[in-house]
N, C-alpha and C. Protein backbone atom coordinates (compact mmCIF):
# COMPACT_ATOMS: atom_id res chain seq x y z
N MET A 1 19.09 -6.93 21.07
CA MET A 1 20.21 -7.64 20.40
C MET A 1 21.63 -6.83 20.16
N LEU A 2 21.42 -5.58 20.13
CA LEU A 2 22.73 -4.96 20.20
C LEU A 2 23.63 -5.60 21.37
N SER A 3 23.03 -5.95 22.74
CA SER A 3 24.14 -6.35 24.14
C SER A 3 24.16 -7.91 23.70
N VAL A 4 23.18 -8.66 22.94
CA VAL A 4 23.65 -10.27 22.42
C VAL A 4 24.61 -9.79 21.19
N GLY A 5 24.40 -9.21 20.65
CA GLY A 5 25.91 -9.20 19.61
C GLY A 5 27.00 -8.56 19.93
N ALA A 6 27.01 -7.93 20.88
CA ALA A 6 28.14 -7.44 21.93
C ALA A 6 28.86 -8.54 22.44
N ALA A 7 27.94 -9.31 23.02
CA ALA A 7 28.44 -10.12 23.64
C ALA A 7 28.85 -12.10 22.66
N GLY A 8 28.67 -11.46 21.45
CA GLY A 8 29.21 -12.66 20.86
C GLY A 8 28.02 -13.64 20.69
N LEU A 9 26.83 -13.53 20.97
CA LEU A 9 25.86 -14.65 20.91
C LEU A 9 24.81 -14.48 19.66
N ALA A 10 25.07 -13.61 19.07
CA ALA A 10 23.75 -13.50 17.81
C ALA A 10 24.14 -14.88 16.83
N PRO A 11 22.86 -14.99 16.19
CA PRO A 11 23.02 -16.03 15.27
C PRO A 11 23.81 -15.75 14.25
N PRO A 12 24.33 -16.85 13.37
CA PRO A 12 25.18 -16.71 12.20
C PRO A 12 24.07 -15.55 11.29
N GLY A 13 25.05 -14.61 10.38
CA GLY A 13 24.08 -14.18 9.68
C GLY A 13 23.89 -12.94 10.21
N HIS A 14 23.85 -12.82 11.08
CA HIS A 14 23.18 -11.63 12.11
C HIS A 14 24.00 -10.36 12.17
N ASN A 15 23.20 -9.09 11.38
CA ASN A 15 24.71 -7.98 11.23
C ASN A 15 24.18 -6.90 12.56
N THR A 16 24.93 -7.15 13.72
CA THR A 16 24.68 -6.39 15.03
C THR A 16 24.66 -4.71 14.33
N LEU A 17 25.27 -4.51 13.51
CA LEU A 17 25.88 -3.00 13.21
C LEU A 17 24.45 -2.46 12.88
N PHE A 18 23.72 -3.13 12.21
CA PHE A 18 22.41 -2.67 11.18
C PHE A 18 21.32 -2.55 12.42
N ASN A 19 21.44 -3.42 13.54
CA ASN A 19 20.60 -3.06 14.80
C ASN A 19 21.06 -1.73 15.17
N GLY A 20 22.38 -1.36 15.86
CA GLY A 20 22.59 0.10 15.91
C GLY A 20 22.17 1.04 15.09
N ILE A 21 22.66 0.91 14.00
CA ILE A 21 22.03 1.98 12.74
C ILE A 21 20.56 2.27 12.47
N SER A 22 19.56 1.22 12.37
CA SER A 22 18.36 1.36 13.07
C SER A 22 18.16 1.94 14.27
N LEU A 23 18.43 1.82 15.48
CA LEU A 23 17.98 2.31 16.43
C LEU A 23 18.32 4.08 16.42
N VAL A 24 19.82 4.29 16.01
CA VAL A 24 20.05 5.93 15.91
C VAL A 24 18.91 6.46 14.62
N GLY A 25 18.60 5.90 13.89
CA GLY A 25 17.37 6.54 12.95
C GLY A 25 16.35 6.28 13.85
N TYR A 26 15.96 5.55 14.55
CA TYR A 26 14.78 5.48 15.29
C TYR A 26 14.57 6.57 16.46
N LEU A 27 15.71 6.80 17.08
CA LEU A 27 15.80 8.14 18.15
C LEU A 27 16.15 9.06 17.94
N VAL A 28 16.46 9.36 16.41
CA VAL A 28 16.79 10.73 15.98
C VAL A 28 15.29 10.92 15.39
N SER A 29 14.38 10.23 14.71
CA SER A 29 13.43 10.30 14.11
C SER A 29 12.52 10.75 15.17
N ALA A 30 12.25 10.01 16.40
CA ALA A 30 11.50 10.26 17.63
C ALA A 30 11.88 11.90 18.18
N PHE A 31 13.35 12.11 18.12
CA PHE A 31 13.91 13.21 18.68
C PHE A 31 13.07 14.76 18.29
N LEU A 32 13.20 14.65 16.55
CA LEU A 32 12.83 15.30 15.81
C LEU A 32 11.60 15.84 15.96
N ALA A 33 10.96 14.62 15.68
CA ALA A 33 9.47 14.56 15.79
C ALA A 33 8.65 15.04 17.20
N SER A 34 9.43 14.68 18.26
CA SER A 34 8.72 14.99 19.57
C SER A 34 9.13 16.75 19.66
N SER A 35 10.24 16.88 19.22
CA SER A 35 10.56 18.57 19.35
C SER A 35 9.69 19.48 18.56
N VAL A 36 9.30 18.94 17.45
CA VAL A 36 8.29 19.36 16.48
C VAL A 36 6.32 20.10 17.35
N ALA A 37 6.38 18.64 17.75
CA ALA A 37 5.74 18.13 18.77
C ALA A 37 5.34 19.44 19.74
N ASN A 38 6.15 19.05 20.84
CA ASN A 38 6.30 20.29 21.79
C ASN A 38 6.53 22.01 21.17
N TYR A 39 6.83 22.18 20.11
CA TYR A 39 6.94 23.33 19.53
C TYR A 39 5.48 23.89 19.09
N PHE A 40 5.06 23.02 18.18
CA PHE A 40 3.87 23.49 17.79
C PHE A 40 2.81 23.40 18.16
N GLY A 41 2.72 22.33 19.28
CA GLY A 41 1.33 21.39 19.72
C GLY A 41 0.93 20.00 19.25
N THR A 42 1.06 19.55 20.52
CA THR A 42 1.32 17.80 20.50
C THR A 42 0.18 17.47 20.03
N ARG A 43 -1.50 18.17 19.81
CA ARG A 43 -2.39 17.76 19.36
C ARG A 43 -2.98 18.04 18.58
N LEU A 44 -2.18 19.06 17.85
CA LEU A 44 -2.65 20.03 16.84
C LEU A 44 -3.20 19.26 15.88
N ARG A 45 -4.32 19.26 15.07
CA ARG A 45 -4.49 18.55 14.04
C ARG A 45 -3.67 18.71 12.67
N PHE A 46 -2.85 19.64 11.95
CA PHE A 46 -1.98 19.67 11.23
C PHE A 46 -0.95 18.86 11.61
N TRP A 47 -0.30 19.09 12.66
CA TRP A 47 1.09 18.07 13.31
C TRP A 47 0.65 16.49 13.01
N ILE A 48 -0.50 15.96 13.79
CA ILE A 48 -1.05 15.00 13.44
C ILE A 48 -0.84 14.44 12.04
N MET A 49 -1.70 14.75 10.97
CA MET A 49 -1.68 14.41 9.99
C MET A 49 -0.32 14.49 9.42
N LEU A 50 0.42 15.61 9.53
CA LEU A 50 1.76 15.76 8.59
C LEU A 50 2.78 14.50 9.38
N SER A 51 2.24 14.24 10.58
CA SER A 51 3.36 13.16 11.02
C SER A 51 3.05 11.70 10.53
N HIS A 52 1.48 11.78 10.63
CA HIS A 52 1.30 10.00 9.69
C HIS A 52 1.56 10.45 8.02
N ALA A 53 1.62 11.53 7.31
CA ALA A 53 1.96 11.58 6.24
C ALA A 53 3.74 11.39 6.17
N ILE A 54 4.45 12.05 7.28
CA ILE A 54 5.67 11.74 6.96
C ILE A 54 5.91 10.04 7.16
N GLN A 55 5.41 9.43 7.78
CA GLN A 55 5.35 8.07 8.16
C GLN A 55 5.08 7.45 6.57
N VAL A 56 3.99 7.93 5.98
CA VAL A 56 3.60 6.71 4.89
C VAL A 56 4.84 7.37 3.31
N ILE A 57 5.23 8.75 3.57
CA ILE A 57 6.23 8.80 2.47
C ILE A 57 7.47 7.87 2.74
N LEU A 58 7.66 8.20 4.24
CA LEU A 58 9.01 6.92 4.13
C LEU A 58 8.87 5.44 3.83
N LEU A 59 7.35 4.88 4.12
CA LEU A 59 7.44 3.68 4.12
C LEU A 59 7.12 3.14 2.43
N LEU A 60 6.11 4.19 1.67
CA LEU A 60 6.24 4.64 0.24
C LEU A 60 7.74 4.42 -0.47
N VAL A 61 8.91 5.16 -0.03
CA VAL A 61 9.62 5.42 -0.77
C VAL A 61 10.59 4.07 -0.64
N GLY A 62 10.54 3.17 0.80
CA GLY A 62 11.17 2.08 0.84
C GLY A 62 10.49 0.80 -0.06
N LEU A 63 9.15 1.39 -0.27
CA LEU A 63 8.39 0.21 -0.78
C LEU A 63 8.60 0.33 -2.36
N ILE A 64 8.89 1.57 -3.10
CA ILE A 64 9.21 1.62 -4.35
C ILE A 64 10.51 1.31 -4.27
N LEU A 65 11.84 1.55 -3.56
CA LEU A 65 13.10 0.63 -3.57
C LEU A 65 12.85 -1.07 -3.72
N LEU A 66 11.75 -1.20 -2.80
CA LEU A 66 11.39 -2.73 -3.11
C LEU A 66 11.18 -3.21 -4.18
N VAL A 67 10.21 -2.62 -4.88
CA VAL A 67 9.62 -3.01 -6.05
C VAL A 67 10.16 -3.01 -6.90
N THR A 68 11.03 -2.17 -6.75
CA THR A 68 12.27 -2.09 -8.06
C THR A 68 13.75 -2.50 -7.95
N LYS A 69 13.70 -3.04 -6.93
CA LYS A 69 14.47 -4.22 -6.49
C LYS A 69 15.81 -3.15 -6.45
N VAL A 70 16.27 -1.79 -5.97
CA VAL A 70 16.99 -1.14 -5.95
C VAL A 70 17.97 -1.91 -4.47
N ILE A 71 16.82 -2.38 -3.83
CA ILE A 71 17.68 -2.91 -2.17
C ILE A 71 16.59 -4.19 -2.17
N VAL A 72 17.19 -5.08 -1.05
CA VAL A 72 16.61 -6.02 -0.88
C VAL A 72 16.12 -6.08 0.41
N PRO A 73 14.88 -6.87 0.81
CA PRO A 73 13.95 -6.48 2.38
C PRO A 73 14.98 -6.35 3.42
N ARG A 74 16.07 -7.18 3.58
CA ARG A 74 17.34 -6.70 4.89
C ARG A 74 18.36 -5.84 4.63
N HIS A 75 17.98 -4.92 3.48
CA HIS A 75 18.85 -4.00 3.01
C HIS A 75 18.94 -2.77 3.94
N VAL A 76 20.14 -2.50 4.72
CA VAL A 76 20.17 -1.09 6.03
C VAL A 76 19.55 0.22 5.47
N VAL A 77 18.90 0.26 4.22
CA VAL A 77 18.54 1.40 4.12
C VAL A 77 17.07 1.42 4.37
N LEU A 78 16.31 0.25 4.14
CA LEU A 78 14.96 0.10 4.59
C LEU A 78 14.91 0.02 6.27
N LEU A 79 15.74 -0.90 6.72
CA LEU A 79 15.61 -0.69 7.89
C LEU A 79 15.73 0.22 8.70
N VAL A 80 16.40 1.62 8.30
CA VAL A 80 16.67 2.86 8.68
C VAL A 80 15.45 3.58 8.43
N MET A 81 14.63 3.15 7.14
CA MET A 81 13.35 4.14 6.43
C MET A 81 12.00 3.43 7.92
N LEU A 82 12.18 1.70 8.05
CA LEU A 82 11.11 1.40 8.68
C LEU A 82 11.71 2.28 10.31
N ALA A 83 12.72 2.03 10.88
CA ALA A 83 12.72 2.69 12.07
C ALA A 83 12.55 4.11 12.32
N SER A 84 12.78 4.72 11.36
CA SER A 84 12.61 6.32 11.45
C SER A 84 11.24 6.41 11.53
N ALA A 85 10.31 5.84 10.34
CA ALA A 85 8.89 5.84 10.44
C ALA A 85 8.25 5.38 11.98
N SER A 86 8.93 4.35 12.17
CA SER A 86 8.75 4.30 13.83
C SER A 86 8.67 4.73 15.02
N GLY A 87 10.00 5.61 14.71
CA GLY A 87 10.16 6.67 15.78
C GLY A 87 9.08 7.71 15.71
N VAL A 88 8.68 8.22 14.44
CA VAL A 88 7.68 9.41 14.28
C VAL A 88 6.54 8.80 14.92
N GLN A 89 6.23 7.51 14.78
CA GLN A 89 4.77 7.26 14.97
C GLN A 89 4.70 7.17 16.95
N VAL A 90 5.69 6.85 17.06
CA VAL A 90 6.03 6.53 18.42
C VAL A 90 5.73 8.08 19.46
N ALA A 91 6.62 8.99 18.92
CA ALA A 91 6.82 10.31 19.51
C ALA A 91 5.33 10.89 18.98
N GLN A 92 4.59 10.57 18.06
CA GLN A 92 3.14 11.22 18.04
C GLN A 92 2.34 11.00 18.97
N ALA A 93 2.54 9.55 19.25
CA ALA A 93 1.82 8.46 20.11
C ALA A 93 1.88 8.99 21.45
N ARG A 94 2.92 9.27 21.94
CA ARG A 94 3.47 9.74 23.19
C ARG A 94 3.23 11.00 23.60
N THR A 95 3.50 11.87 22.56
CA THR A 95 2.95 13.48 22.89
C THR A 95 1.45 13.58 22.61
N SER A 96 0.98 12.85 22.15
CA SER A 96 -0.70 12.86 21.89
C SER A 96 -1.36 13.05 23.32
N LYS A 97 -0.72 12.54 24.67
CA LYS A 97 -1.15 12.44 25.86
C LYS A 97 -2.29 11.65 26.05
N VAL A 98 -2.40 10.53 25.32
CA VAL A 98 -2.98 9.20 25.13
C VAL A 98 -2.02 7.90 25.47
N PRO A 99 -1.89 7.94 26.95
CA PRO A 99 -0.87 6.89 27.28
C PRO A 99 -1.25 5.66 27.32
N GLU A 100 -2.73 5.22 26.91
CA GLU A 100 -3.17 3.72 26.73
C GLU A 100 -2.51 3.22 25.43
N VAL A 101 -2.02 4.26 24.67
CA VAL A 101 -1.74 3.72 23.03
C VAL A 101 -0.05 3.94 23.01
N PRO A 102 0.56 3.31 23.54
CA PRO A 102 1.63 3.63 23.52
C PRO A 102 2.43 3.19 21.83
N THR A 103 1.99 2.20 21.07
CA THR A 103 2.10 1.97 19.81
C THR A 103 3.27 0.90 19.42
N ALA A 104 4.03 0.94 20.61
CA ALA A 104 5.45 -0.06 20.46
C ALA A 104 5.56 -1.19 21.26
N MET A 105 4.31 -1.19 21.55
CA MET A 105 4.94 -2.57 22.88
C MET A 105 3.40 -3.15 23.02
N LEU A 106 3.54 -4.19 23.69
CA LEU A 106 2.03 -4.93 23.57
C LEU A 106 2.08 -5.13 25.65
N SER A 107 2.90 -5.90 25.89
CA SER A 107 3.07 -6.46 27.35
C SER A 107 2.26 -5.21 28.66
N THR A 108 2.88 -4.04 28.22
CA THR A 108 2.68 -2.80 29.19
C THR A 108 1.12 -2.67 29.30
N PRO A 109 0.42 -2.49 27.99
CA PRO A 109 -0.98 -2.23 27.92
C PRO A 109 -1.86 -3.45 28.37
N ILE A 110 -1.37 -4.69 28.05
CA ILE A 110 -2.38 -5.82 28.55
C ILE A 110 -1.88 -5.86 29.88
N VAL A 111 -1.05 -5.42 30.61
CA VAL A 111 -0.94 -5.58 32.09
C VAL A 111 -1.86 -4.24 32.80
N ASP A 112 -1.44 -3.45 32.06
CA ASP A 112 -2.22 -2.18 32.45
C ASP A 112 -4.01 -2.41 32.25
N LEU A 113 -4.17 -3.18 31.25
CA LEU A 113 -5.54 -3.55 30.96
C LEU A 113 -6.26 -4.52 32.42
N ILE A 114 -5.14 -5.37 32.69
CA ILE A 114 -5.75 -6.49 33.71
C ILE A 114 -5.85 -5.89 35.12
N VAL A 115 -5.11 -4.56 35.49
CA VAL A 115 -4.89 -4.15 36.90
C VAL A 115 -6.05 -3.14 36.83
N ASP A 116 -6.87 -2.97 35.71
CA ASP A 116 -7.76 -1.76 35.38
C ASP A 116 -9.22 -2.25 36.36
N PRO A 117 -9.02 -0.86 37.67
CA PRO A 117 -10.37 -1.41 37.99
C PRO A 117 -11.75 -1.68 37.79
N ASN A 118 -11.89 -0.83 36.12
CA ASN A 118 -13.34 -0.77 35.81
C ASN A 118 -13.09 -1.96 34.56
N LEU A 119 -11.95 -3.09 34.61
CA LEU A 119 -12.19 -4.13 33.84
C LEU A 119 -13.36 -4.44 33.50
N PHE A 120 -14.40 -4.99 34.14
CA PHE A 120 -15.28 -5.81 34.44
C PHE A 120 -16.67 -5.06 34.22
N LYS A 121 -16.20 -4.09 34.31
CA LYS A 121 -17.72 -2.68 34.23
C LYS A 121 -18.13 -2.77 33.02
N LEU A 122 -19.91 -3.10 33.23
CA LEU A 122 -20.63 -3.16 31.94
C LEU A 122 -21.08 -2.05 31.46
N SER A 123 -19.94 -1.58 30.77
CA SER A 123 -20.43 -0.40 30.22
C SER A 123 -19.30 0.56 29.13
N ILE A 124 -19.71 0.56 28.04
CA ILE A 124 -18.60 1.37 26.67
C ILE A 124 -18.67 2.55 26.71
N PHE A 125 -19.34 3.36 27.40
CA PHE A 125 -19.73 4.68 27.43
C PHE A 125 -19.41 5.33 28.44
N ASP A 126 -19.68 4.90 29.45
CA ASP A 126 -19.24 5.56 30.90
C ASP A 126 -17.45 6.18 30.78
N PRO A 127 -17.52 7.22 30.73
CA PRO A 127 -16.20 7.88 30.56
C PRO A 127 -14.69 7.55 31.52
N SER A 128 -15.39 7.06 32.47
CA SER A 128 -14.44 5.91 33.30
C SER A 128 -13.75 4.76 32.99
N VAL A 129 -14.67 4.27 31.57
CA VAL A 129 -14.27 3.10 31.15
C VAL A 129 -13.74 3.72 29.47
N GLN A 130 -13.25 4.66 29.49
CA GLN A 130 -12.76 5.04 28.47
C GLN A 130 -11.30 4.07 28.00
N PRO A 131 -10.65 4.79 29.02
CA PRO A 131 -8.59 4.19 29.21
C PRO A 131 -9.13 2.55 29.00
N ARG A 132 -9.75 1.78 29.55
CA ARG A 132 -9.84 0.49 29.11
C ARG A 132 -10.05 -0.32 27.71
N ASN A 133 -11.25 1.11 27.22
CA ASN A 133 -11.97 0.41 25.89
C ASN A 133 -10.62 0.84 24.93
N ARG A 134 -9.68 1.81 25.16
CA ARG A 134 -8.74 2.10 24.02
C ARG A 134 -7.57 1.32 24.21
N ARG A 135 -7.42 0.61 25.47
CA ARG A 135 -6.23 -0.24 25.80
C ARG A 135 -6.28 -1.52 25.24
N ALA A 136 -7.91 -2.06 25.29
CA ALA A 136 -8.32 -3.28 24.80
C ALA A 136 -8.09 -3.07 22.92
N ALA A 137 -8.71 -1.77 22.46
CA ALA A 137 -8.74 -1.64 21.25
C ALA A 137 -7.19 -1.74 20.55
N HIS A 138 -6.69 -1.02 21.52
CA HIS A 138 -5.28 -1.08 20.73
C HIS A 138 -4.31 -2.62 20.83
N ILE A 139 -4.53 -3.27 21.98
CA ILE A 139 -4.25 -4.79 22.09
C ILE A 139 -4.80 -5.66 21.42
N PHE A 140 -6.22 -5.57 20.75
CA PHE A 140 -6.81 -6.37 20.04
C PHE A 140 -6.17 -5.74 18.37
N SER A 141 -5.79 -4.66 17.85
CA SER A 141 -5.39 -4.64 16.88
C SER A 141 -3.70 -4.78 16.72
N MET A 142 -3.31 -4.62 17.66
CA MET A 142 -1.32 -5.08 17.60
C MET A 142 -1.59 -6.94 17.34
N VAL A 143 -2.41 -7.41 18.12
CA VAL A 143 -2.47 -9.01 17.73
C VAL A 143 -2.94 -9.24 16.30
N ILE A 144 -4.10 -8.58 16.23
CA ILE A 144 -5.06 -8.83 14.93
C ILE A 144 -3.74 -8.86 13.63
N GLY A 145 -3.01 -7.42 14.07
CA GLY A 145 -1.95 -6.75 13.29
C GLY A 145 -0.94 -7.83 12.75
N SER A 146 -0.48 -8.17 13.82
CA SER A 146 0.58 -9.37 13.63
C SER A 146 0.55 -10.24 12.97
N PHE A 147 -0.57 -11.16 13.23
CA PHE A 147 -1.02 -12.46 12.93
C PHE A 147 -1.04 -12.24 11.28
N VAL A 148 -2.10 -11.02 10.59
CA VAL A 148 -2.15 -11.03 9.60
C VAL A 148 -0.83 -10.60 9.11
N GLY A 149 -0.22 -9.71 9.51
CA GLY A 149 1.19 -9.60 8.69
C GLY A 149 2.64 -10.63 8.36
N ALA A 150 1.82 -11.51 9.56
CA ALA A 150 3.24 -12.53 9.56
C ALA A 150 2.64 -13.36 8.52
N PHE A 151 1.00 -13.93 8.42
CA PHE A 151 0.66 -15.06 7.17
C PHE A 151 1.00 -13.92 5.75
N MET A 152 0.64 -12.79 5.43
CA MET A 152 0.82 -12.13 4.36
C MET A 152 2.39 -12.60 3.98
N HIS A 153 3.56 -12.19 5.00
CA HIS A 153 4.27 -12.38 4.53
C HIS A 153 5.23 -13.22 4.19
N LYS A 154 4.60 -14.39 4.69
CA LYS A 154 4.72 -16.06 4.54
C LYS A 154 4.54 -16.28 2.91
N ALA A 155 3.37 -15.73 2.97
CA ALA A 155 2.00 -16.01 1.49
C ALA A 155 3.04 -15.31 0.46
N SER A 156 3.13 -13.91 0.48
CA SER A 156 3.55 -12.80 -0.59
C SER A 156 4.80 -11.72 -0.03
N GLY A 157 5.35 -12.14 0.87
CA GLY A 157 6.94 -10.84 1.22
C GLY A 157 6.31 -10.06 1.86
N THR A 158 7.59 -8.94 1.93
CA THR A 158 7.67 -8.00 2.66
C THR A 158 6.49 -6.48 1.57
N VAL A 159 6.74 -6.81 0.31
CA VAL A 159 6.14 -5.71 -0.46
C VAL A 159 4.39 -5.67 -0.24
N SER A 160 3.83 -6.79 -0.02
CA SER A 160 2.44 -6.91 0.33
C SER A 160 2.26 -6.60 1.27
N VAL A 161 3.05 -6.78 2.47
CA VAL A 161 2.80 -5.95 4.03
C VAL A 161 2.84 -4.79 3.92
N MET A 162 3.98 -4.19 3.63
CA MET A 162 3.97 -2.75 3.61
C MET A 162 3.37 -1.96 2.66
N ALA A 163 2.75 -2.63 1.58
CA ALA A 163 1.33 -1.83 0.83
C ALA A 163 0.03 -1.88 1.79
N LEU A 164 0.19 -2.83 2.42
CA LEU A 164 -1.29 -2.93 3.55
C LEU A 164 -1.05 -1.52 4.28
N SER A 165 0.22 -1.64 5.25
CA SER A 165 0.70 -0.86 6.51
C SER A 165 0.38 0.50 5.59
N ILE A 166 0.98 0.66 4.36
CA ILE A 166 0.79 2.35 3.39
C ILE A 166 -0.70 2.46 3.56
N GLY A 167 -1.67 1.46 3.35
CA GLY A 167 -3.10 1.62 3.12
C GLY A 167 -3.90 2.07 4.00
N ILE A 168 -3.23 1.61 5.33
CA ILE A 168 -4.20 1.79 6.61
C ILE A 168 -3.82 3.25 6.92
N LYS A 169 -2.29 3.57 7.27
CA LYS A 169 -1.80 5.01 7.55
C LYS A 169 -2.56 6.29 6.79
N VAL A 170 -2.76 5.81 5.68
CA VAL A 170 -3.39 6.65 4.56
C VAL A 170 -5.08 6.91 5.02
N ILE A 171 -5.27 5.87 5.48
CA ILE A 171 -7.17 5.90 5.92
C ILE A 171 -7.23 6.47 7.45
N VAL A 172 -5.89 5.91 8.32
CA VAL A 172 -6.21 6.89 9.48
C VAL A 172 -5.73 8.13 9.34
N THR A 173 -4.66 8.64 8.44
CA THR A 173 -4.21 10.39 7.98
C THR A 173 -5.69 10.81 7.94
N GLY A 174 -6.70 9.92 6.78
CA GLY A 174 -7.86 11.07 6.26
C GLY A 174 -8.82 10.85 7.31
N GLY A 175 -8.94 9.98 8.52
CA GLY A 175 -9.80 9.94 9.43
C GLY A 175 -9.34 10.93 10.50
N PHE A 176 -8.07 11.45 10.61
CA PHE A 176 -7.32 12.55 11.51
C PHE A 176 -8.18 13.96 11.15
N TRP A 177 -8.13 14.05 9.61
CA TRP A 177 -8.98 15.26 8.84
C TRP A 177 -10.69 15.39 8.85
N MET A 178 -11.30 14.14 9.07
CA MET A 178 -12.87 14.61 9.36
C MET A 178 -13.12 14.26 10.76
N ILE A 179 -12.31 13.88 11.71
CA ILE A 179 -12.96 14.02 13.25
C ILE A 179 -12.82 15.01 13.67
N ARG A 180 -13.60 15.80 14.13
CA ARG A 180 -13.67 16.88 15.13
C ARG A 180 -13.19 17.18 16.43
N SER A 181 -12.87 18.10 16.93
CA SER A 181 -12.30 18.27 18.22
C SER A 181 -13.55 18.87 18.65
N PRO A 182 -13.76 18.60 20.32
CA PRO A 182 -14.96 19.70 20.86
C PRO A 182 -15.08 20.92 20.90
N LYS A 183 -13.70 21.45 20.54
CA LYS A 183 -13.93 22.76 20.46
C LYS A 183 -14.42 22.87 19.04
N GLU A 184 -14.73 22.14 18.35
CA GLU A 184 -15.41 22.51 16.65
C GLU A 184 -16.58 22.00 16.84
N LYS A 185 -16.78 21.07 17.52
CA LYS A 185 -18.15 20.79 17.82
C LYS A 185 -19.34 21.38 18.54
N GLU A 186 -18.27 22.02 19.80
CA GLU A 186 -19.33 23.18 20.31
C GLU A 186 -19.56 24.56 19.43
N ALA A 187 -18.03 24.80 18.45
CA ALA A 187 -18.37 26.30 17.36
C ALA A 187 -19.54 26.19 16.63
N ARG A 188 -19.41 24.58 15.98
CA ARG A 188 -20.69 24.25 14.81
C ARG A 188 -22.22 24.28 15.63
N LYS A 189 -22.51 24.04 17.08
CA LYS A 189 -23.28 23.75 17.34
C LYS A 189 -23.66 25.10 18.07
N GLN A 190 -22.95 26.12 18.33
CA GLN A 190 -23.26 27.51 18.32
C GLN A 190 -23.88 28.08 17.20
N ARG A 191 -23.31 27.62 16.26
CA ARG A 191 -23.34 28.32 14.58
C ARG A 191 -24.77 27.90 14.37
N GLN A 192 -25.19 26.83 14.57
CA GLN A 192 -26.52 26.21 14.43
C GLN A 192 -27.63 26.53 15.30
N MET A 193 -27.33 26.90 16.29
CA MET A 193 -28.08 27.63 17.02
C MET A 193 -28.56 29.14 16.75
N SER A 194 -27.31 29.63 16.23
CA SER A 194 -27.29 30.93 16.27
C SER A 194 -28.56 31.45 14.68
N GLU A 195 -28.17 30.19 13.63
CA GLU A 195 -28.81 30.15 12.43
C GLU A 195 -30.37 29.89 12.46
N VAL A 196 -30.74 29.01 13.45
CA VAL A 196 -31.90 28.79 13.99
C VAL A 196 -32.76 29.90 14.68
N GLY A 197 -31.75 30.81 15.67
CA GLY A 197 -32.58 31.67 16.09
C GLY A 197 -32.81 33.05 14.89
N MET A 198 -31.73 33.03 14.17
CA MET A 198 -31.90 34.17 13.16
C MET A 198 -33.42 33.80 12.08
N TYR A 199 -33.41 32.65 11.88
CA TYR A 199 -34.45 32.01 10.98
C TYR A 199 -36.08 32.35 11.72
N ILE A 200 -36.05 31.92 13.02
CA ILE A 200 -37.17 32.48 13.99
C ILE A 200 -37.62 33.79 14.03
N GLY A 201 -36.65 34.27 14.19
CA GLY A 201 -36.23 36.00 14.15
C GLY A 201 -37.31 36.59 12.66
N ARG A 202 -36.65 35.96 11.63
CA ARG A 202 -37.54 36.45 10.54
C ARG A 202 -38.88 36.51 10.16
N ARG A 203 -39.14 35.03 10.93
CA ARG A 203 -40.44 34.67 11.08
C ARG A 203 -41.39 35.78 11.90
């Protein structure tokens, strides 16, 4: 849209400056988030949860400003908040080393799914098809989410869509707390085996 605006081809009422400001917010937040992730650990549970918490806070503040009518849906402040939340989200997704879920686009994952040699492999648990499964789940959620968001926005406006987005992100954040890493699973298994051994030894 920046190039379209610069060429004077933007539709009437479109503010190209807002595109530039939101892009700056997106890039700055992505840079800061990726820098923190690379310093502390890109797949550290604390960082992943903090990243999602930052996104929730940005969206929640924007929602409160909308509900209280401090700003309108197309206000530049809201655009910057949404762009910044998106920048943090994409940075977290890309630095987590899960290339099948870029979160910011749909065309590339679709092509990656189509050219996947395991596309038609009749299995869902085989390790070789896990990238295919992640891409398929990502595409499905993006498509369904876009339609749900579009119809919600048509029916009840921006506030309901943002509220739904915040609710989903809160659930995802809680999910990261509950899901155990392979190291934690192995440690728990070893602890259970040790407890069983001690119980048998006492008998």
